[in-house]
Amino acid sequence: MLAKKDRLLVQEALTRTGRTVRKPAFTVKIFMSPLTYSRFGVVVGRRVGKTAVLRNVIRRRAFNAIRARKSEWPVADYLIITHPAAAAYTAHQWHEELIPSSITRSAS
């Protein structure tokens, strides 16, 4: 899990507008931030996983993939909205898909 200062409040981010990058298992929304560090939020809906246990596993895998490369992300707020395909993703697949350079390059 990320430190509290690095987590984005999802309710706050849902009303903002920004760039969008779509991947097979998730969508990343990128918002400009006045802060000097990046913040991340992950949304896992009931369509992705029927049980809370599965949704929490998906959320943890996403946060762990982010944390592994946190220093590589450009300063912004990132909201990751998962799709049903995310339920089949392993931790290794999350690390391969959530690469900062591929996401920020696609958003430009």
Foldseek 3Di string as FASTA:
>chain_A
DDDPVQADDPVVPVVDAAFWDDDPWKIKGWAADPDPAEHEEEAEDCQQDVDPVLSVVLRVLLVVLCVVCRVVADHTYMYIYTDNVSSVDDSVNSNVPPDRVVRVVRRD
